[in-house]
N, C-alpha and C. Protein backbone atom coordinates (compact mmCIF):
# COMPACT_ATOMS: atom_id res chain seq x y z
N MET A 1 -20.62 -60.16 -15.86
CA MET A 1 -19.50 -59.67 -16.63
C MET A 1 -18.28 -60.58 -16.47
N GLY A 2 -17.99 -61.02 -15.23
CA GLY A 2 -16.85 -61.89 -14.99
C GLY A 2 -16.96 -63.18 -15.78
N ARG A 3 -18.16 -63.70 -15.90
CA ARG A 3 -18.37 -64.94 -16.64
C ARG A 3 -18.07 -64.73 -18.13
N GLU A 4 -18.48 -63.55 -18.66
CA GLU A 4 -18.22 -63.26 -20.06
C GLU A 4 -16.73 -63.12 -20.34
N ARG A 5 -16.02 -62.43 -19.44
CA ARG A 5 -14.58 -62.27 -19.63
C ARG A 5 -13.89 -63.63 -19.55
N GLY A 6 -14.33 -64.47 -18.62
CA GLY A 6 -13.75 -65.80 -18.48
C GLY A 6 -13.96 -66.63 -19.73
N SER A 7 -15.09 -66.44 -20.38
CA SER A 7 -15.37 -67.19 -21.60
C SER A 7 -14.39 -66.83 -22.71
N GLY A 8 -14.04 -65.55 -22.81
CA GLY A 8 -13.11 -65.10 -23.84
C GLY A 8 -11.70 -65.62 -23.63
N ARG A 9 -11.33 -65.85 -22.39
CA ARG A 9 -9.99 -66.33 -22.09
C ARG A 9 -9.73 -67.70 -22.67
N PHE A 10 -10.76 -68.47 -22.85
CA PHE A 10 -10.60 -69.84 -23.30
C PHE A 10 -11.08 -70.07 -24.73
N ARG A 11 -11.24 -69.02 -25.48
CA ARG A 11 -11.71 -69.14 -26.87
C ARG A 11 -10.80 -70.07 -27.68
N ALA A 12 -9.49 -69.90 -27.55
CA ALA A 12 -8.55 -70.73 -28.31
C ALA A 12 -8.66 -72.19 -27.89
N ALA A 13 -8.83 -72.45 -26.59
CA ALA A 13 -8.97 -73.83 -26.11
C ALA A 13 -10.23 -74.46 -26.68
N ARG A 14 -11.33 -73.72 -26.67
CA ARG A 14 -12.57 -74.25 -27.25
C ARG A 14 -12.41 -74.52 -28.74
N GLN A 15 -11.66 -73.66 -29.43
CA GLN A 15 -11.46 -73.86 -30.87
C GLN A 15 -10.66 -75.15 -31.11
N VAL A 16 -9.69 -75.44 -30.26
CA VAL A 16 -8.94 -76.69 -30.38
C VAL A 16 -9.89 -77.88 -30.20
N LEU A 17 -10.78 -77.79 -29.22
CA LEU A 17 -11.75 -78.87 -28.99
C LEU A 17 -12.66 -79.04 -30.21
N ILE A 18 -13.12 -77.93 -30.76
CA ILE A 18 -13.97 -77.98 -31.97
C ILE A 18 -13.21 -78.64 -33.11
N ASP A 19 -11.96 -78.21 -33.32
CA ASP A 19 -11.16 -78.78 -34.42
C ASP A 19 -10.95 -80.27 -34.24
N ARG A 20 -10.64 -80.72 -33.01
CA ARG A 20 -10.43 -82.15 -32.76
C ARG A 20 -11.74 -82.92 -32.93
N GLY A 21 -12.85 -82.32 -32.55
CA GLY A 21 -14.15 -82.96 -32.74
C GLY A 21 -14.48 -83.13 -34.21
N ILE A 22 -14.21 -82.10 -35.00
CA ILE A 22 -14.44 -82.17 -36.45
C ILE A 22 -13.59 -83.27 -37.06
N GLU A 23 -12.33 -83.35 -36.64
CA GLU A 23 -11.45 -84.41 -37.14
C GLU A 23 -11.97 -85.79 -36.73
N ALA A 24 -12.39 -85.94 -35.48
CA ALA A 24 -12.87 -87.23 -34.99
C ALA A 24 -14.13 -87.68 -35.73
N LEU A 25 -14.95 -86.72 -36.11
CA LEU A 25 -16.18 -87.04 -36.84
C LEU A 25 -15.95 -87.12 -38.35
N ASP A 26 -14.71 -86.84 -38.76
CA ASP A 26 -14.35 -86.85 -40.18
C ASP A 26 -15.25 -85.94 -41.00
N MET A 27 -15.43 -84.72 -40.48
CA MET A 27 -16.28 -83.72 -41.13
C MET A 27 -15.42 -82.69 -41.84
N GLU A 28 -16.03 -81.97 -42.74
CA GLU A 28 -15.34 -80.85 -43.37
C GLU A 28 -15.37 -79.67 -42.42
N ARG A 29 -14.30 -78.91 -42.43
CA ARG A 29 -14.23 -77.74 -41.57
C ARG A 29 -15.21 -76.68 -42.05
N ALA A 30 -15.87 -76.06 -41.10
CA ALA A 30 -16.80 -74.98 -41.41
C ALA A 30 -16.76 -73.97 -40.26
N ASP A 31 -16.70 -72.72 -40.61
CA ASP A 31 -16.71 -71.69 -39.58
C ASP A 31 -18.07 -71.65 -38.89
N GLY A 32 -18.04 -71.27 -37.64
CA GLY A 32 -19.28 -71.06 -36.91
C GLY A 32 -19.82 -72.28 -36.19
N ARG A 33 -19.16 -73.41 -36.29
CA ARG A 33 -19.64 -74.58 -35.55
C ARG A 33 -19.29 -74.40 -34.08
N SER A 34 -20.25 -74.68 -33.23
CA SER A 34 -20.02 -74.55 -31.80
C SER A 34 -19.58 -75.90 -31.23
N LEU A 35 -18.95 -75.84 -30.08
CA LEU A 35 -18.56 -77.08 -29.41
C LEU A 35 -19.80 -77.89 -29.06
N ASP A 36 -20.86 -77.22 -28.65
CA ASP A 36 -22.10 -77.92 -28.32
C ASP A 36 -22.64 -78.67 -29.54
N ALA A 37 -22.57 -78.05 -30.71
CA ALA A 37 -23.04 -78.71 -31.93
C ALA A 37 -22.19 -79.93 -32.26
N ILE A 38 -20.88 -79.80 -32.09
CA ILE A 38 -19.97 -80.91 -32.35
C ILE A 38 -20.25 -82.06 -31.39
N VAL A 39 -20.43 -81.76 -30.11
CA VAL A 39 -20.72 -82.80 -29.12
C VAL A 39 -22.06 -83.46 -29.44
N GLY A 40 -23.04 -82.67 -29.89
CA GLY A 40 -24.33 -83.23 -30.29
C GLY A 40 -24.20 -84.22 -31.43
N LEU A 41 -23.36 -83.90 -32.41
CA LEU A 41 -23.12 -84.82 -33.52
C LEU A 41 -22.36 -86.07 -33.04
N ALA A 42 -21.40 -85.85 -32.15
CA ALA A 42 -20.62 -86.98 -31.62
C ALA A 42 -21.50 -87.91 -30.79
N GLU A 43 -22.47 -87.33 -30.10
CA GLU A 43 -23.38 -88.13 -29.28
C GLU A 43 -24.12 -89.17 -30.11
N ALA A 44 -24.46 -88.81 -31.33
CA ALA A 44 -25.24 -89.70 -32.20
C ALA A 44 -24.38 -90.56 -33.12
N ALA A 45 -23.08 -90.28 -33.19
CA ALA A 45 -22.20 -90.99 -34.12
C ALA A 45 -21.74 -92.32 -33.52
N PRO A 46 -21.40 -93.27 -34.39
CA PRO A 46 -20.83 -94.53 -33.90
C PRO A 46 -19.51 -94.25 -33.18
N VAL A 47 -19.27 -94.95 -32.09
CA VAL A 47 -18.05 -94.73 -31.31
C VAL A 47 -16.86 -95.35 -32.04
N THR A 48 -15.88 -94.51 -32.31
CA THR A 48 -14.63 -94.94 -32.94
C THR A 48 -13.48 -94.58 -32.01
N GLN A 49 -12.28 -95.05 -32.36
CA GLN A 49 -11.11 -94.70 -31.56
C GLN A 49 -10.89 -93.18 -31.57
N ALA A 50 -11.13 -92.54 -32.71
CA ALA A 50 -10.98 -91.08 -32.80
C ALA A 50 -11.96 -90.36 -31.88
N LEU A 51 -13.19 -90.86 -31.79
CA LEU A 51 -14.17 -90.24 -30.88
C LEU A 51 -13.80 -90.49 -29.42
N ARG A 52 -13.22 -91.62 -29.13
CA ARG A 52 -12.76 -91.87 -27.76
C ARG A 52 -11.65 -90.90 -27.38
N CYS A 53 -10.75 -90.66 -28.30
CA CYS A 53 -9.67 -89.68 -28.05
C CYS A 53 -10.25 -88.29 -27.84
N PHE A 54 -11.24 -87.93 -28.63
CA PHE A 54 -11.92 -86.65 -28.46
C PHE A 54 -12.59 -86.58 -27.09
N ALA A 55 -13.20 -87.68 -26.67
CA ALA A 55 -13.86 -87.72 -25.36
C ALA A 55 -12.84 -87.52 -24.23
N VAL A 56 -11.67 -88.12 -24.36
CA VAL A 56 -10.62 -87.94 -23.34
C VAL A 56 -10.17 -86.48 -23.32
N LEU A 57 -10.07 -85.87 -24.47
CA LEU A 57 -9.70 -84.45 -24.54
C LEU A 57 -10.76 -83.60 -23.84
N LEU A 58 -12.02 -83.95 -24.02
CA LEU A 58 -13.09 -83.23 -23.32
C LEU A 58 -13.00 -83.41 -21.81
N ILE A 59 -12.65 -84.63 -21.37
CA ILE A 59 -12.46 -84.88 -19.93
C ILE A 59 -11.35 -83.97 -19.40
N ASP A 60 -10.25 -83.88 -20.14
CA ASP A 60 -9.16 -83.00 -19.71
C ASP A 60 -9.62 -81.55 -19.63
N ALA A 61 -10.42 -81.13 -20.60
CA ALA A 61 -10.92 -79.74 -20.61
C ALA A 61 -11.89 -79.48 -19.46
N LEU A 62 -12.63 -80.50 -19.05
CA LEU A 62 -13.55 -80.32 -17.93
C LEU A 62 -12.82 -80.05 -16.62
N GLY A 63 -11.55 -80.38 -16.57
CA GLY A 63 -10.76 -80.11 -15.38
C GLY A 63 -10.40 -78.65 -15.22
N VAL A 64 -10.67 -77.84 -16.24
CA VAL A 64 -10.39 -76.40 -16.20
C VAL A 64 -11.74 -75.67 -16.20
N PRO A 65 -12.07 -75.00 -15.12
CA PRO A 65 -13.37 -74.30 -15.04
C PRO A 65 -13.57 -73.32 -16.20
N ASP A 66 -14.79 -73.30 -16.71
CA ASP A 66 -15.25 -72.36 -17.73
C ASP A 66 -14.77 -72.63 -19.16
N VAL A 67 -14.00 -73.71 -19.39
CA VAL A 67 -13.61 -74.01 -20.77
C VAL A 67 -14.82 -74.55 -21.52
N ILE A 68 -15.57 -75.44 -20.87
CA ILE A 68 -16.77 -76.02 -21.48
C ILE A 68 -17.97 -75.62 -20.64
N ALA A 69 -18.97 -75.06 -21.31
CA ALA A 69 -20.21 -74.70 -20.62
C ALA A 69 -20.94 -75.99 -20.23
N GLU A 70 -21.31 -76.09 -18.99
CA GLU A 70 -21.97 -77.30 -18.50
C GLU A 70 -23.32 -76.97 -17.89
N ARG A 71 -24.24 -76.57 -18.69
CA ARG A 71 -25.58 -76.27 -18.20
C ARG A 71 -26.60 -76.71 -19.24
N GLY A 72 -27.77 -77.05 -18.76
CA GLY A 72 -28.90 -77.33 -19.63
C GLY A 72 -28.69 -78.50 -20.56
N ASP A 73 -29.22 -78.35 -21.77
CA ASP A 73 -29.19 -79.42 -22.75
C ASP A 73 -27.76 -79.72 -23.21
N ALA A 74 -26.91 -78.70 -23.25
CA ALA A 74 -25.51 -78.92 -23.64
C ALA A 74 -24.83 -79.87 -22.66
N GLU A 75 -25.11 -79.71 -21.38
CA GLU A 75 -24.54 -80.59 -20.36
C GLU A 75 -25.07 -82.01 -20.53
N ARG A 76 -26.34 -82.16 -20.80
CA ARG A 76 -26.93 -83.49 -20.99
C ARG A 76 -26.28 -84.20 -22.18
N ARG A 77 -26.10 -83.47 -23.30
CA ARG A 77 -25.46 -84.07 -24.48
C ARG A 77 -24.02 -84.46 -24.18
N LEU A 78 -23.30 -83.60 -23.46
CA LEU A 78 -21.91 -83.89 -23.12
C LEU A 78 -21.83 -85.15 -22.27
N HIS A 79 -22.64 -85.24 -21.24
CA HIS A 79 -22.64 -86.42 -20.38
C HIS A 79 -23.00 -87.67 -21.17
N SER A 80 -24.01 -87.57 -22.02
CA SER A 80 -24.44 -88.71 -22.83
C SER A 80 -23.31 -89.20 -23.73
N PHE A 81 -22.63 -88.26 -24.39
CA PHE A 81 -21.52 -88.64 -25.27
C PHE A 81 -20.39 -89.29 -24.48
N LEU A 82 -19.99 -88.68 -23.38
CA LEU A 82 -18.88 -89.22 -22.59
C LEU A 82 -19.23 -90.59 -22.02
N GLU A 83 -20.46 -90.76 -21.59
CA GLU A 83 -20.89 -92.06 -21.04
C GLU A 83 -20.86 -93.16 -22.09
N ARG A 84 -21.15 -92.81 -23.32
CA ARG A 84 -21.13 -93.80 -24.40
C ARG A 84 -19.71 -94.07 -24.88
N ALA A 85 -18.93 -93.01 -25.07
CA ALA A 85 -17.59 -93.15 -25.63
C ALA A 85 -16.60 -93.75 -24.64
N LEU A 86 -16.80 -93.49 -23.35
CA LEU A 86 -15.86 -93.94 -22.32
C LEU A 86 -16.55 -94.83 -21.28
N LEU A 87 -17.44 -95.68 -21.73
CA LEU A 87 -18.24 -96.49 -20.83
C LEU A 87 -17.40 -97.26 -19.81
N ASN A 88 -16.48 -98.08 -20.26
CA ASN A 88 -15.70 -98.90 -19.33
C ASN A 88 -14.74 -98.08 -18.46
N PRO A 89 -14.02 -97.10 -19.02
CA PRO A 89 -13.19 -96.27 -18.14
C PRO A 89 -14.01 -95.55 -17.06
N LEU A 90 -15.20 -95.10 -17.39
CA LEU A 90 -16.04 -94.44 -16.39
C LEU A 90 -16.51 -95.44 -15.33
N ARG A 91 -16.81 -96.66 -15.74
CA ARG A 91 -17.18 -97.69 -14.76
C ARG A 91 -16.05 -97.93 -13.79
N ARG A 92 -14.83 -98.05 -14.34
CA ARG A 92 -13.66 -98.29 -13.49
C ARG A 92 -13.42 -97.14 -12.52
N ALA A 93 -13.78 -95.94 -12.93
CA ALA A 93 -13.57 -94.76 -12.09
C ALA A 93 -14.64 -94.60 -11.02
N GLY A 94 -15.68 -95.44 -11.06
CA GLY A 94 -16.75 -95.34 -10.08
C GLY A 94 -17.77 -94.26 -10.41
N TYR A 95 -17.87 -93.93 -11.67
CA TYR A 95 -18.82 -92.91 -12.14
C TYR A 95 -20.25 -93.37 -11.86
N GLU A 96 -21.06 -92.47 -11.37
CA GLU A 96 -22.46 -92.78 -11.06
C GLU A 96 -23.34 -92.45 -12.27
N PHE A 97 -23.60 -93.45 -13.09
CA PHE A 97 -24.40 -93.25 -14.30
C PHE A 97 -25.82 -92.79 -13.96
N ASP A 98 -26.33 -93.18 -12.81
CA ASP A 98 -27.67 -92.78 -12.39
C ASP A 98 -27.64 -91.56 -11.47
N GLY A 99 -26.49 -90.95 -11.30
CA GLY A 99 -26.36 -89.81 -10.41
C GLY A 99 -27.03 -88.56 -10.96
N THR A 100 -27.09 -87.54 -10.15
CA THR A 100 -27.64 -86.26 -10.59
C THR A 100 -26.66 -85.58 -11.53
N ARG A 101 -27.14 -84.59 -12.24
CA ARG A 101 -26.24 -83.84 -13.12
C ARG A 101 -25.11 -83.21 -12.33
N TYR A 102 -25.42 -82.74 -11.15
CA TYR A 102 -24.39 -82.13 -10.31
C TYR A 102 -23.33 -83.17 -9.95
N ASP A 103 -23.74 -84.36 -9.53
CA ASP A 103 -22.79 -85.41 -9.17
C ASP A 103 -21.93 -85.79 -10.37
N LYS A 104 -22.56 -85.92 -11.54
CA LYS A 104 -21.81 -86.25 -12.75
C LYS A 104 -20.82 -85.15 -13.08
N ARG A 105 -21.25 -83.91 -12.99
CA ARG A 105 -20.39 -82.76 -13.29
C ARG A 105 -19.16 -82.76 -12.38
N GLN A 106 -19.39 -83.02 -11.08
CA GLN A 106 -18.28 -83.04 -10.12
C GLN A 106 -17.31 -84.18 -10.43
N MET A 107 -17.84 -85.35 -10.73
CA MET A 107 -17.00 -86.51 -11.02
C MET A 107 -16.18 -86.27 -12.29
N LEU A 108 -16.83 -85.78 -13.33
CA LEU A 108 -16.14 -85.56 -14.60
C LEU A 108 -15.09 -84.46 -14.48
N ALA A 109 -15.37 -83.45 -13.68
CA ALA A 109 -14.42 -82.35 -13.52
C ALA A 109 -13.13 -82.81 -12.85
N GLY A 110 -13.20 -83.83 -12.01
CA GLY A 110 -12.01 -84.33 -11.35
C GLY A 110 -11.36 -85.51 -12.04
N LEU A 111 -12.01 -86.05 -13.04
CA LEU A 111 -11.53 -87.26 -13.71
C LEU A 111 -10.27 -87.04 -14.53
N HIS A 112 -10.00 -85.80 -14.92
CA HIS A 112 -8.82 -85.53 -15.74
C HIS A 112 -7.53 -86.02 -15.06
N ALA A 113 -7.52 -86.04 -13.74
CA ALA A 113 -6.32 -86.43 -13.00
C ALA A 113 -6.03 -87.93 -13.09
N THR A 114 -7.05 -88.75 -13.34
CA THR A 114 -6.86 -90.20 -13.32
C THR A 114 -7.34 -90.91 -14.58
N ILE A 115 -7.77 -90.17 -15.60
CA ILE A 115 -8.36 -90.81 -16.78
C ILE A 115 -7.39 -91.78 -17.45
N ASP A 116 -6.10 -91.44 -17.49
CA ASP A 116 -5.13 -92.34 -18.13
C ASP A 116 -5.09 -93.70 -17.44
N GLU A 117 -5.19 -93.69 -16.13
CA GLU A 117 -5.19 -94.93 -15.35
C GLU A 117 -6.40 -95.80 -15.71
N HIS A 118 -7.54 -95.18 -15.91
CA HIS A 118 -8.77 -95.92 -16.21
C HIS A 118 -8.84 -96.39 -17.66
N LEU A 119 -8.00 -95.84 -18.52
CA LEU A 119 -7.97 -96.24 -19.92
C LEU A 119 -7.07 -97.45 -20.17
N ARG A 120 -6.17 -97.74 -19.24
CA ARG A 120 -5.26 -98.88 -19.42
C ARG A 120 -6.04 -100.18 -19.44
N PRO A 121 -5.56 -101.15 -20.23
CA PRO A 121 -6.23 -102.46 -20.22
C PRO A 121 -6.14 -103.10 -18.85
N LEU A 122 -7.14 -103.84 -18.51
CA LEU A 122 -7.13 -104.55 -17.23
C LEU A 122 -6.07 -105.64 -17.26
N GLU A 123 -5.43 -105.82 -16.12
CA GLU A 123 -4.45 -106.89 -15.98
C GLU A 123 -5.16 -108.13 -15.47
N PRO A 124 -4.78 -109.30 -15.96
CA PRO A 124 -5.46 -110.53 -15.51
C PRO A 124 -5.19 -110.78 -14.03
N SER A 125 -6.22 -111.23 -13.35
CA SER A 125 -6.07 -111.53 -11.93
C SER A 125 -5.63 -112.98 -11.71
N ILE A 126 -5.78 -113.80 -12.73
CA ILE A 126 -5.35 -115.20 -12.66
C ILE A 126 -4.19 -115.35 -13.64
N PRO A 127 -3.07 -115.90 -13.19
CA PRO A 127 -1.92 -116.04 -14.09
C PRO A 127 -2.28 -116.77 -15.37
N ARG A 128 -1.65 -116.36 -16.45
CA ARG A 128 -1.95 -116.93 -17.78
C ARG A 128 -1.64 -118.42 -17.84
N TRP A 129 -0.63 -118.90 -17.10
CA TRP A 129 -0.28 -120.31 -17.18
C TRP A 129 -1.37 -121.21 -16.61
N ILE A 130 -2.18 -120.71 -15.68
CA ILE A 130 -3.28 -121.51 -15.13
C ILE A 130 -4.31 -121.81 -16.23
N HIS A 131 -4.50 -120.84 -17.12
CA HIS A 131 -5.44 -121.02 -18.23
C HIS A 131 -4.83 -121.86 -19.36
N GLY A 132 -3.54 -122.16 -19.26
CA GLY A 132 -2.88 -122.95 -20.29
C GLY A 132 -2.45 -122.15 -21.49
N ILE A 133 -2.37 -120.83 -21.36
CA ILE A 133 -1.98 -120.01 -22.51
C ILE A 133 -0.55 -119.48 -22.38
N ALA A 134 0.15 -119.84 -21.31
CA ALA A 134 1.55 -119.45 -21.13
C ALA A 134 2.25 -120.56 -20.36
N PRO A 135 3.54 -120.74 -20.60
CA PRO A 135 4.26 -121.80 -19.86
C PRO A 135 4.37 -121.45 -18.37
N PRO A 136 4.44 -122.49 -17.50
CA PRO A 136 4.62 -122.22 -16.06
C PRO A 136 5.86 -121.36 -15.83
N GLY A 137 5.79 -120.50 -14.87
CA GLY A 137 6.88 -119.59 -14.58
C GLY A 137 6.69 -118.23 -15.21
N GLU A 138 5.86 -118.17 -16.23
CA GLU A 138 5.55 -116.87 -16.85
C GLU A 138 4.24 -116.37 -16.26
N CYS A 139 4.20 -115.12 -15.91
CA CYS A 139 2.99 -114.55 -15.29
C CYS A 139 1.95 -114.18 -16.30
């Protein structure tokens, strides 16, 4: 019973996720689409900037228990989509692509706190002037 009540508390949050997923996939709005169905479609779609933004929103939602159901095939599709859409940020975060579902779930649930840091472009480790693309004195 507690799980069912908890699910109702986040209905509006799930609807926001569904709406953003529909927008990211450039689909027509239709009542009755589940978040799992949207993630399944996103999993198979070409990765675009809009889908990456949707993936970051899902990461943020995973930081709140019970907003997104993470069990069974739905969890597998979610992980697959996030791994594809956020490949490099997940690598930077030390995500274990070969880890167990439990390990992935734990990592993704805590990633909301640092995802912005992992999305930033990498800074060059060798000054640009050494490569000849900037004048000496400029970093």
